Amino acid sequence: MSWFADVQAFASRYCRCNTDEVSRFESADTVFLIAFAVIMLNTDLHNANIKPERKMKLTDFIRNLRGLYHISFCTTISMTAF
């Protein structure tokens, strides 16, 4: 199974198990995009080939998600709580 299929399976399962949360999104594809964005953020964080000054900042991560419908619930406060 490829990484794409893994993320797709995760998003599908998340949507089935969290219908109240997912109902706030325009489509279930939003869950896939957020999951993929988190994977990319993690890759960026742990990749030794990326210079520290080029690593993704919180503002960069939020900017990357700007076009997603109803992403405003992911405020800086809630994202830094992790």
C-alpha atoms as a PDB file:
ATOM      1  CA  MET A   1       0.000   0.000   0.000  1.00  0.00           C
ATOM      2  CA  SER A   2       1.352   3.417  -0.906  1.00  0.00           C
ATOM      3  CA  TRP A   3       1.508   6.439   1.387  1.00  0.00           C
ATOM      4  CA  PHE A   4      -1.324   7.992  -0.621  1.00  0.00           C
ATOM      5  CA  ALA A   5      -3.581   5.003   0.036  1.00  0.00           C
ATOM      6  CA  ASP A   6      -2.616   5.066   3.724  1.00  0.00           C
ATOM      7  CA  VAL A   7      -3.571   8.727   4.112  1.00  0.00           C
ATOM      8  CA  GLN A   8      -6.736   8.133   2.112  1.00  0.00           C
ATOM      9  CA  ALA A   9      -7.687   5.186   4.365  1.00  0.00           C
ATOM     10  CA  PHE A  10      -7.009   7.299   7.466  1.00  0.00           C
ATOM     11  CA  ALA A  11      -9.136  10.175   6.156  1.00  0.00           C
ATOM     12  CA  SER A  12     -11.961   7.823   5.227  1.00  0.00           C
ATOM     13  CA  ARG A  13     -11.939   6.155   8.652  1.00  0.00           C
ATOM     14  CA  TYR A  14     -11.709   9.505  10.444  1.00  0.00           C
ATOM     15  CA  CYS A  15     -14.751  10.745   8.525  1.00  0.00           C
ATOM     16  CA  ARG A  16     -16.756   7.646   9.442  1.00  0.00           C
ATOM     17  CA  CYS A  17     -15.853   7.867  13.137  1.00  0.00           C
ATOM     18  CA  ASN A  18     -16.104  11.657  13.592  1.00  0.00           C
ATOM     19  CA  THR A  19     -19.166  12.731  11.660  1.00  0.00           C
ATOM     20  CA  ASP A  20     -19.851  15.732  13.913  1.00  0.00           C
ATOM     21  CA  GLU A  21     -16.374  17.156  13.351  1.00  0.00           C
ATOM     22  CA  VAL A  22     -16.334  16.415   9.630  1.00  0.00           C
ATOM     23  CA  SER A  23     -19.714  18.067   9.115  1.00  0.00           C
ATOM     24  CA  ARG A  24     -17.956  21.430   9.591  1.00  0.00           C
ATOM     25  CA  PHE A  25     -15.900  20.854   6.438  1.00  0.00           C
ATOM     26  CA  GLU A  26     -17.016  21.460   2.891  1.00  0.00           C
ATOM     27  CA  SER A  27     -15.965  17.932   1.956  1.00  0.00           C
ATOM     28  CA  ALA A  28     -14.179  14.888   3.329  1.00  0.00           C
ATOM     29  CA  ASP A  29     -11.195  15.818   1.155  1.00  0.00           C
ATOM     30  CA  THR A  30     -10.367  18.473   3.753  1.00  0.00           C
ATOM     31  CA  VAL A  31      -9.484  15.722   6.237  1.00  0.00           C
ATOM     32  CA  PHE A  32      -7.135  14.179   3.667  1.00  0.00           C
ATOM     33  CA  LEU A  33      -5.452  17.539   3.025  1.00  0.00           C
ATOM     34  CA  ILE A  34      -4.958  18.285   6.722  1.00  0.00           C
ATOM     35  CA  ALA A  35      -3.541  14.780   7.341  1.00  0.00           C
ATOM     36  CA  PHE A  36      -1.164  15.192   4.408  1.00  0.00           C
ATOM     37  CA  ALA A  37      -0.112  18.636   5.654  1.00  0.00           C
ATOM     38  CA  VAL A  38       0.735  17.191   9.077  1.00  0.00           C
ATOM     39  CA  ILE A  39       2.835  14.459   7.446  1.00  0.00           C
ATOM     40  CA  MET A  40       4.720  17.082   5.445  1.00  0.00           C
ATOM     41  CA  LEU A  41       5.241  19.170   8.584  1.00  0.00           C
ATOM     42  CA  ASN A  42       6.636  16.142  10.412  1.00  0.00           C
ATOM     43  CA  THR A  43       8.906  15.315   7.468  1.00  0.00           C
ATOM     44  CA  ASP A  44      10.155  18.894   7.423  1.00  0.00           C
ATOM     45  CA  LEU A  45      10.822  18.783  11.160  1.00  0.00           C
ATOM     46  CA  HIS A  46      12.844  15.556  11.113  1.00  0.00           C
ATOM     47  CA  ASN A  47      14.682  15.828   7.781  1.00  0.00           C
ATOM     48  CA  ALA A  48      18.345  16.502   8.512  1.00  0.00           C
ATOM     49  CA  ASN A  49      18.876  17.788   4.947  1.00  0.00           C
ATOM     50  CA  ILE A  50      16.731  20.859   5.610  1.00  0.00           C
ATOM     51  CA  LYS A  51      18.682  23.718   7.120  1.00  0.00           C
ATOM     52  CA  PRO A  52      17.249  25.090  10.386  1.00  0.00           C
ATOM     53  CA  GLU A  53      16.550  28.498   8.838  1.00  0.00           C
ATOM     54  CA  ARG A  54      14.502  26.810   6.063  1.00  0.00           C
ATOM     55  CA  LYS A  55      12.347  24.692   8.387  1.00  0.00           C
ATOM     56  CA  MET A  56       8.609  25.359   8.283  1.00  0.00           C
ATOM     57  CA  LYS A  57       7.333  27.811  10.874  1.00  0.00           C
ATOM     58  CA  LEU A  58       3.826  27.813  12.346  1.00  0.00           C
ATOM     59  CA  THR A  59       2.884  30.768  10.150  1.00  0.00           C
ATOM     60  CA  ASP A  60       4.089  28.858   7.061  1.00  0.00           C
ATOM     61  CA  PHE A  61       1.991  25.833   8.025  1.00  0.00           C
ATOM     62  CA  ILE A  62      -1.120  27.968   8.523  1.00  0.00           C
ATOM     63  CA  ARG A  63      -0.482  29.781   5.239  1.00  0.00           C
ATOM     64  CA  ASN A  64      -0.216  26.426   3.430  1.00  0.00           C
ATOM     65  CA  LEU A  65      -3.712  25.539   4.657  1.00  0.00           C
ATOM     66  CA  ARG A  66      -5.323  28.906   3.812  1.00  0.00           C
ATOM     67  CA  GLY A  67      -7.880  27.996   1.106  1.00  0.00           C
ATOM     68  CA  LEU A  68      -9.394  25.142   3.034  1.00  0.00           C
ATOM     69  CA  TYR A  69     -13.007  25.774   3.909  1.00  0.00           C
ATOM     70  CA  HIS A  70     -13.628  26.320   7.631  1.00  0.00           C
ATOM     71  CA  ILE A  71      -9.951  25.976   8.553  1.00  0.00           C
ATOM     72  CA  SER A  72     -10.379  29.008  10.820  1.00  0.00           C
ATOM     73  CA  PHE A  73     -11.080  26.658  13.734  1.00  0.00           C
ATOM     74  CA  CYS A  74      -7.365  25.771  13.607  1.00  0.00           C
ATOM     75  CA  THR A  75      -6.241  28.931  15.317  1.00  0.00           C
ATOM     76  CA  THR A  76      -2.694  29.579  16.355  1.00  0.00           C
ATOM     77  CA  ILE A  77      -3.659  28.903  19.968  1.00  0.00           C
ATOM     78  CA  SER A  78      -5.156  25.493  19.272  1.00  0.00           C
ATOM     79  CA  MET A  79      -2.267  24.456  17.034  1.00  0.00           C
ATOM     80  CA  THR A  80       0.382  25.464  19.535  1.00  0.00           C
ATOM     81  CA  ALA A  81      -1.407  23.498  22.256  1.00  0.00           C
ATOM     82  CA  PHE A  82       0.039  20.295  20.816  1.00  0.00           C
END
